[in-house]
Every structure is written in C-alpha cells, then in structure tokens.
C-alpha atoms as a PDB file:
ATOM      1  CA  MET A   1     -15.734  21.060   7.798  1.00  0.00           C
ATOM      2  CA  THR A   2     -14.798  18.909   4.785  1.00  0.00           C
ATOM      3  CA  ALA A   3     -14.829  15.147   5.215  1.00  0.00           C
ATOM      4  CA  THR A   4     -11.483  13.424   4.861  1.00  0.00           C
ATOM      5  CA  PRO A   5     -11.319  11.546   1.545  1.00  0.00           C
ATOM      6  CA  PHE A   6     -10.981   7.797   1.423  1.00  0.00           C
ATOM      7  CA  SER A   7      -7.288   7.148   1.981  1.00  0.00           C
ATOM      8  CA  VAL A   8      -5.386   4.287   0.340  1.00  0.00           C
ATOM      9  CA  CYS A   9      -1.908   3.206   1.381  1.00  0.00           C
ATOM     10  CA  VAL A  10       0.104   1.747  -1.499  1.00  0.00           C
ATOM     11  CA  TYR A  11       3.179  -0.391  -0.903  1.00  0.00           C
ATOM     12  CA  CYS A  12       5.409  -0.819  -3.963  1.00  0.00           C
ATOM     13  CA  GLY A  13       8.943  -1.002  -5.246  1.00  0.00           C
ATOM     14  CA  ALA A  14      11.578   1.718  -5.330  1.00  0.00           C
ATOM     15  CA  ARG A  15      12.564   0.160  -8.673  1.00  0.00           C
ATOM     16  CA  HIS A  16      10.560  -0.187 -11.879  1.00  0.00           C
ATOM     17  CA  GLY A  17      11.218  -3.872 -12.439  1.00  0.00           C
ATOM     18  CA  HIS A  18      11.951  -5.315 -15.868  1.00  0.00           C
ATOM     19  CA  ASP A  19       8.389  -5.562 -17.201  1.00  0.00           C
ATOM     20  CA  PRO A  20       6.840  -2.249 -18.337  1.00  0.00           C
ATOM     21  CA  ALA A  21       3.495  -3.621 -17.106  1.00  0.00           C
ATOM     22  CA  TYR A  22       4.596  -2.905 -13.528  1.00  0.00           C
ATOM     23  CA  THR A  23       5.074   0.796 -14.263  1.00  0.00           C
ATOM     24  CA  ALA A  24       1.801   0.900 -16.184  1.00  0.00           C
ATOM     25  CA  ALA A  25      -0.024  -0.654 -13.213  1.00  0.00           C
ATOM     26  CA  ALA A  26       1.466   1.885 -10.787  1.00  0.00           C
ATOM     27  CA  ARG A  27       0.395   4.749 -13.038  1.00  0.00           C
ATOM     28  CA  ALA A  28      -3.089   3.265 -13.500  1.00  0.00           C
ATOM     29  CA  LEU A  29      -3.537   2.836  -9.758  1.00  0.00           C
ATOM     30  CA  GLY A  30      -2.399   6.382  -8.986  1.00  0.00           C
ATOM     31  CA  THR A  31      -4.641   7.780 -11.710  1.00  0.00           C
ATOM     32  CA  ALA A  32      -7.670   5.831 -10.457  1.00  0.00           C
ATOM     33  CA  ILE A  33      -7.115   7.016  -6.874  1.00  0.00           C
ATOM     34  CA  GLY A  34      -6.947  10.616  -8.088  1.00  0.00           C
ATOM     35  CA  ARG A  35     -10.000  10.357 -10.335  1.00  0.00           C
ATOM     36  CA  ARG A  36     -12.042   9.081  -7.401  1.00  0.00           C
ATOM     37  CA  GLY A  37     -11.030  12.098  -5.340  1.00  0.00           C
ATOM     38  CA  TRP A  38      -9.249   9.872  -2.840  1.00  0.00           C
ATOM     39  CA  GLN A  39      -5.997  10.328  -0.961  1.00  0.00           C
ATOM     40  CA  LEU A  40      -2.783   8.351  -1.511  1.00  0.00           C
ATOM     41  CA  VAL A  41      -0.472   7.456   1.362  1.00  0.00           C
ATOM     42  CA  TYR A  42       2.820   5.858   0.350  1.00  0.00           C
ATOM     43  CA  GLY A  43       6.503   5.589   1.251  1.00  0.00           C
ATOM     44  CA  GLY A  44       7.501   9.071   0.090  1.00  0.00           C
ATOM     45  CA  GLY A  45      10.008   8.109  -2.603  1.00  0.00           C
ATOM     46  CA  ARG A  46      10.438   9.705  -6.010  1.00  0.00           C
ATOM     47  CA  VAL A  47      12.017   6.644  -7.620  1.00  0.00           C
ATOM     48  CA  GLY A  48      10.661   3.429  -9.111  1.00  0.00           C
ATOM     49  CA  LEU A  49       7.011   2.468  -8.817  1.00  0.00           C
ATOM     50  CA  MET A  50       6.713   4.697  -5.757  1.00  0.00           C
ATOM     51  CA  GLY A  51       7.406   7.806  -7.801  1.00  0.00           C
ATOM     52  CA  GLU A  52       5.112   6.610 -10.596  1.00  0.00           C
ATOM     53  CA  VAL A  53       2.076   6.012  -8.375  1.00  0.00           C
ATOM     54  CA  ALA A  54       2.583   9.336  -6.563  1.00  0.00           C
ATOM     55  CA  ASP A  55       3.008  11.390  -9.734  1.00  0.00           C
ATOM     56  CA  ALA A  56       0.004   9.776 -11.409  1.00  0.00           C
ATOM     57  CA  ALA A  57      -2.170  10.302  -8.332  1.00  0.00           C
ATOM     58  CA  ARG A  58      -1.209  13.985  -8.040  1.00  0.00           C
ATOM     59  CA  THR A  59      -1.751  14.579 -11.754  1.00  0.00           C
ATOM     60  CA  ALA A  60      -5.236  13.062 -11.451  1.00  0.00           C
ATOM     61  CA  GLY A  61      -6.129  15.266  -8.473  1.00  0.00           C
ATOM     62  CA  ALA A  62      -5.379  13.144  -5.402  1.00  0.00           C
ATOM     63  CA  ARG A  63      -3.908  14.527  -2.229  1.00  0.00           C
ATOM     64  CA  VAL A  64      -0.637  12.650  -1.745  1.00  0.00           C
ATOM     65  CA  ILE A  65       1.049  11.989   1.591  1.00  0.00           C
ATOM     66  CA  GLY A  66       4.530  10.503   1.654  1.00  0.00           C
ATOM     67  CA  VAL A  67       6.136   9.078   4.790  1.00  0.00           C
ATOM     68  CA  ILE A  68       9.878   8.521   4.590  1.00  0.00           C
ATOM     69  CA  PRO A  69      12.675   7.833   7.067  1.00  0.00           C
ATOM     70  CA  ASP A  70      15.348  10.484   7.459  1.00  0.00           C
ATOM     71  CA  ALA A  71      18.029   8.051   6.237  1.00  0.00           C
ATOM     72  CA  LEU A  72      16.313   7.826   2.836  1.00  0.00           C
ATOM     73  CA  MET A  73      15.873  11.594   2.690  1.00  0.00           C
ATOM     74  CA  GLN A  74      19.617  11.943   3.183  1.00  0.00           C
ATOM     75  CA  MET A  75      20.102   9.610   0.193  1.00  0.00           C
ATOM     76  CA  GLU A  76      18.014  12.139  -1.790  1.00  0.00           C
ATOM     77  CA  VAL A  77      15.277   9.733  -2.800  1.00  0.00           C
ATOM     78  CA  GLY A  78      12.454  11.678  -1.112  1.00  0.00           C
ATOM     79  CA  HIS A  79       9.747  13.156  -3.350  1.00  0.00           C
ATOM     80  CA  GLN A  80       9.683  16.929  -2.823  1.00  0.00           C
ATOM     81  CA  ASP A  81       6.537  17.587  -4.883  1.00  0.00           C
ATOM     82  CA  LEU A  82       3.875  16.144  -2.571  1.00  0.00           C
ATOM     83  CA  ASP A  83       1.039  17.668  -0.590  1.00  0.00           C
ATOM     84  CA  ASP A  84       2.620  16.400   2.624  1.00  0.00           C
ATOM     85  CA  LEU A  85       6.049  14.773   3.000  1.00  0.00           C
ATOM     86  CA  GLN A  86       6.462  13.456   6.541  1.00  0.00           C
ATOM     87  CA  VAL A  87      10.054  12.681   7.519  1.00  0.00           C
ATOM     88  CA  VAL A  88      10.339  10.231  10.410  1.00  0.00           C
ATOM     89  CA  ARG A  89      13.236   8.657  12.293  1.00  0.00           C
ATOM     90  CA  THR A  90      12.737   4.932  11.714  1.00  0.00           C
ATOM     91  CA  MET A  91      11.119   2.398   9.419  1.00  0.00           C
ATOM     92  CA  HIS A  92       8.869   1.323  12.297  1.00  0.00           C
ATOM     93  CA  GLU A  93       7.594   4.885  12.691  1.00  0.00           C
ATOM     94  CA  ARG A  94       7.116   5.126   8.924  1.00  0.00           C
ATOM     95  CA  LYS A  95       4.879   2.036   8.790  1.00  0.00           C
ATOM     96  CA  ARG A  96       2.862   3.114  11.799  1.00  0.00           C
ATOM     97  CA  ARG A  97       2.330   6.628  10.436  1.00  0.00           C
ATOM     98  CA  MET A  98       1.272   5.248   7.053  1.00  0.00           C
ATOM     99  CA  ALA A  99      -1.226   2.879   8.697  1.00  0.00           C
ATOM    100  CA  GLU A 100      -2.699   5.584  10.899  1.00  0.00           C
ATOM    101  CA  GLN A 101      -3.542   7.698   7.849  1.00  0.00           C
ATOM    102  CA  SER A 102      -5.058   4.950   5.703  1.00  0.00           C
ATOM    103  CA  ASP A 103      -8.444   3.287   5.252  1.00  0.00           C
ATOM    104  CA  ALA A 104      -7.126   0.429   3.096  1.00  0.00           C
ATOM    105  CA  PHE A 105      -3.848  -1.049   1.870  1.00  0.00           C
ATOM    106  CA  ILE A 106      -2.699  -2.251  -1.567  1.00  0.00           C
ATOM    107  CA  ALA A 107       0.568  -3.927  -2.536  1.00  0.00           C
ATOM    108  CA  LEU A 108       1.923  -3.528  -6.051  1.00  0.00           C
ATOM    109  CA  PRO A 109       4.981  -5.469  -7.185  1.00  0.00           C
ATOM    110  CA  GLY A 110       8.081  -4.678  -5.161  1.00  0.00           C
ATOM    111  CA  GLY A 111      10.999  -6.143  -3.278  1.00  0.00           C
ATOM    112  CA  ILE A 112      11.803  -6.957   0.332  1.00  0.00           C
ATOM    113  CA  GLY A 113      10.538  -3.607   1.645  1.00  0.00           C
ATOM    114  CA  THR A 114       7.165  -4.132  -0.029  1.00  0.00           C
ATOM    115  CA  PHE A 115       6.965  -7.711   1.269  1.00  0.00           C
ATOM    116  CA  GLU A 116       7.800  -6.601   4.791  1.00  0.00           C
ATOM    117  CA  GLU A 117       5.209  -3.805   4.777  1.00  0.00           C
ATOM    118  CA  LEU A 118       2.506  -6.080   3.411  1.00  0.00           C
ATOM    119  CA  PHE A 119       3.183  -8.907   5.848  1.00  0.00           C
ATOM    120  CA  GLU A 120       3.382  -6.631   8.879  1.00  0.00           C
ATOM    121  CA  THR A 121       0.103  -4.903   8.011  1.00  0.00           C
ATOM    122  CA  TRP A 122      -1.496  -8.303   7.356  1.00  0.00           C
ATOM    123  CA  THR A 123      -0.207  -9.568  10.718  1.00  0.00           C
ATOM    124  CA  TRP A 124      -1.607  -6.471  12.461  1.00  0.00           C
ATOM    125  CA  ARG A 125      -4.968  -7.244  10.878  1.00  0.00           C
ATOM    126  CA  HIS A 126      -4.821 -10.890  11.977  1.00  0.00           C
ATOM    127  CA  LEU A 127      -3.980  -9.846  15.558  1.00  0.00           C
ATOM    128  CA  GLY A 128      -6.807  -7.298  15.656  1.00  0.00           C
ATOM    129  CA  TYR A 129      -4.732  -4.122  15.769  1.00  0.00           C
ATOM    130  CA  HIS A 130      -6.810  -2.847  12.845  1.00  0.00           C
ATOM    131  CA  ASP A 131      -9.696  -4.064  10.681  1.00  0.00           C
ATOM    132  CA  ARG A 132      -8.842  -2.306   7.428  1.00  0.00           C
ATOM    133  CA  PRO A 133      -8.911  -4.195   4.120  1.00  0.00           C
ATOM    134  CA  LEU A 134      -5.751  -5.321   2.340  1.00  0.00           C
ATOM    135  CA  GLY A 135      -5.226  -6.133  -1.302  1.00  0.00           C
ATOM    136  CA  LEU A 136      -2.642  -7.516  -3.699  1.00  0.00           C
ATOM    137  CA  LEU A 137      -2.773  -6.073  -7.190  1.00  0.00           C
ATOM    138  CA  GLU A 138      -1.640  -8.958  -9.381  1.00  0.00           C
ATOM    139  CA  VAL A 139       0.380  -7.783 -12.384  1.00  0.00           C
ATOM    140  CA  GLN A 140       1.665 -10.276 -14.981  1.00  0.00           C
ATOM    141  CA  GLY A 141       1.621 -13.113 -12.441  1.00  0.00           C
ATOM    142  CA  TYR A 142       4.143 -11.367 -10.185  1.00  0.00           C
ATOM    143  CA  TRP A 143       2.513 -12.532  -6.954  1.00  0.00           C
ATOM    144  CA  ALA A 144       1.636 -16.066  -8.133  1.00  0.00           C
ATOM    145  CA  PRO A 145       4.706 -17.855  -6.653  1.00  0.00           C
ATOM    146  CA  MET A 146       4.196 -16.134  -3.295  1.00  0.00           C
ATOM    147  CA  LEU A 147       0.505 -17.037  -3.276  1.00  0.00           C
ATOM    148  CA  ALA A 148       1.382 -20.653  -4.040  1.00  0.00           C
ATOM    149  CA  PHE A 149       3.763 -20.653  -1.083  1.00  0.00           C
ATOM    150  CA  LEU A 150       1.087 -19.137   1.173  1.00  0.00           C
ATOM    151  CA  ARG A 151      -1.349 -21.851   0.109  1.00  0.00           C
ATOM    152  CA  GLN A 152       1.356 -24.381   0.975  1.00  0.00           C
ATOM    153  CA  SER A 153       1.555 -22.773   4.426  1.00  0.00           C
ATOM    154  CA  VAL A 154      -2.186 -23.332   4.809  1.00  0.00           C
ATOM    155  CA  ALA A 155      -1.841 -26.955   3.659  1.00  0.00           C
ATOM    156  CA  ALA A 156       1.003 -27.477   6.133  1.00  0.00           C
ATOM    157  CA  GLY A 157      -1.079 -26.125   9.007  1.00  0.00           C
ATOM    158  CA  PHE A 158       0.816 -22.896   9.713  1.00  0.00           C
ATOM    159  CA  MET A 159      -1.905 -20.626   8.331  1.00  0.00           C
ATOM    160  CA  ASP A 160      -5.620 -21.021   7.790  1.00  0.00           C
ATOM    161  CA  GLU A 161      -8.186 -19.952   5.227  1.00  0.00           C
ATOM    162  CA  SER A 162      -9.461 -17.101   7.416  1.00  0.00           C
ATOM    163  CA  GLN A 163      -6.030 -15.479   7.213  1.00  0.00           C
ATOM    164  CA  MET A 164      -5.907 -15.922   3.448  1.00  0.00           C
ATOM    165  CA  ALA A 165      -9.387 -14.414   3.179  1.00  0.00           C
ATOM    166  CA  MET A 166      -8.073 -11.165   4.694  1.00  0.00           C
ATOM    167  CA  LEU A 167      -6.063 -10.564   1.515  1.00  0.00           C
ATOM    168  CA  ARG A 168      -8.048  -9.446  -1.535  1.00  0.00           C
ATOM    169  CA  ILE A 169      -6.413 -10.374  -4.844  1.00  0.00           C
ATOM    170  CA  GLU A 170      -7.399  -8.587  -8.053  1.00  0.00           C
ATOM    171  CA  THR A 171      -5.903  -7.994 -11.486  1.00  0.00           C
ATOM    172  CA  SER A 172      -8.075  -4.931 -12.208  1.00  0.00           C
ATOM    173  CA  VAL A 173      -7.327  -1.587 -10.558  1.00  0.00           C
ATOM    174  CA  ASP A 174     -10.982  -0.541 -10.481  1.00  0.00           C
ATOM    175  CA  ALA A 175     -12.154  -3.905  -9.146  1.00  0.00           C
ATOM    176  CA  MET A 176      -9.543  -3.652  -6.383  1.00  0.00           C
ATOM    177  CA  LEU A 177     -10.507  -0.124  -5.385  1.00  0.00           C
ATOM    178  CA  ASP A 178     -14.228  -0.939  -5.473  1.00  0.00           C
ATOM    179  CA  ALA A 179     -13.699  -4.034  -3.298  1.00  0.00           C
ATOM    180  CA  LEU A 180     -11.550  -2.279  -0.724  1.00  0.00           C
ATOM    181  CA  GLN A 181     -13.901   0.674  -0.407  1.00  0.00           C
ATOM    182  CA  ALA A 182     -16.913  -1.632  -0.060  1.00  0.00           C
ATOM    183  CA  SER A 183     -15.270  -3.633   2.734  1.00  0.00           C
ATOM    184  CA  ALA A 184     -13.813  -0.695   4.653  1.00  0.00           C
ATOM    185  CA  GLY A 185     -15.544   0.242   7.870  1.00  0.00           C
ATOM    186  CA  PRO A 186     -15.687   3.686   9.434  1.00  0.00           C
ATOM    187  CA  ARG A 187     -12.269   5.213   9.877  1.00  0.00           C
ATOM    188  CA  ARG A 188     -10.857   4.713  13.340  1.00  0.00           C
ATOM    189  CA  MET A 189      -7.344   5.028  14.615  1.00  0.00           C
ATOM    190  CA  PRO A 190      -5.635   1.623  14.534  1.00  0.00           C
ATOM    191  CA  ASP A 191      -4.314   0.325  17.831  1.00  0.00           C
ATOM    192  CA  LEU A 192      -0.696  -0.324  16.970  1.00  0.00           C
ATOM    193  CA  SER A 193       0.589   0.219  20.495  1.00  0.00           C
ATOM    194  CA  GLY A 194       1.397  -3.478  20.829  1.00  0.00           C
ATOM    195  CA  SER A 195       3.193  -3.752  17.505  1.00  0.00           C
END
C-alpha cells in the first residue's frame, strides 16, 4: 500500500489581482508542491489564482483535489481537469472536506473567501479541533496591513502572542513548505464536529 503524500491546502483568490507577482507566486507554489511529490487540496476553481496554483501543481506532477460547492459548479467555474473534483452542497461542507484531506494550510493573496477560510481554520487550530500548521505566503506586502491590524488586536488584549505564533509567515515558497512540513505531526482526522 502506497503512503499518502503530504497534502497541502491552499486558500487563494478566484481573481488574479492587479500585480503579476500574485499569479507568479501561485504558479511557483503549485510547481513546488508538485516537484516535492505532494498533494494539493484547494477550492476547485479554474479561475484566478485558484486555477493557476492547480494547473501548475498538476503540470509538476502533484495529485490535485478540488472541493467546490454545487452553486459554483452551476456558475461553470469548476476545474474539470483535476485528479478529484468533489462537489459538495455548502461552503461549510467545502471547508470541512478540505481540512480533512490536508496536513497543512497556506493562504495566498485573495479576497473575502480567502480571509474567511484562513480565519476559520486558524480559529479551529486555536480551539484544538486540529493541530495542523498554517502559513501566510507574503507577496509584495499584500498581507502587511492585515498583520498590522492583528498585532493591534494583540496590543488591545483581544488576541495573544500564542495565537499569532500559530501563523507562519514567509516570503519564500520553499521556506514556507519546508517550515510547514517540519512542524506537521502525524496525519489524523481533525475533530471538526463542534465547528
């Protein structure tokens, strides 16, 4: 029986954004995941950074799993050229299914969907529903204003340094992947029953 490859969930935008560096980062991340022989889990879209990371990962040899709600499939944004496209009923089911199949999580630049996925997974980690590592891939200072706000939340007493320490921040794709793999424990099913 073949061991399951290390599986990375990537949250990212369904748009490209205005800076070509965002697209380049998505392609670099997908390529690096594939070259390592890992598996990509992502939101199942064919558009924006989502499509870029998936295509790059597949081209580089990764197994790619997409998880997408039926409503988005009906809008024809689902990526049909994946190893496994899982169509689910709700966004809640999508996030749970993605988490269950992942050993680590990375957020690339994105919009409100990316923010929501990142913060929910981070909250699950804080509450002990899982112990998998999370990372922010910083591209052209995209995350800097959000990180400043989070540090303000710590200063104001609504968060603490232990919560901030759960989020790995890197500008290098390889440094991010190395750090997440090194801090990942043995794969176990997350307990998301209370989420």
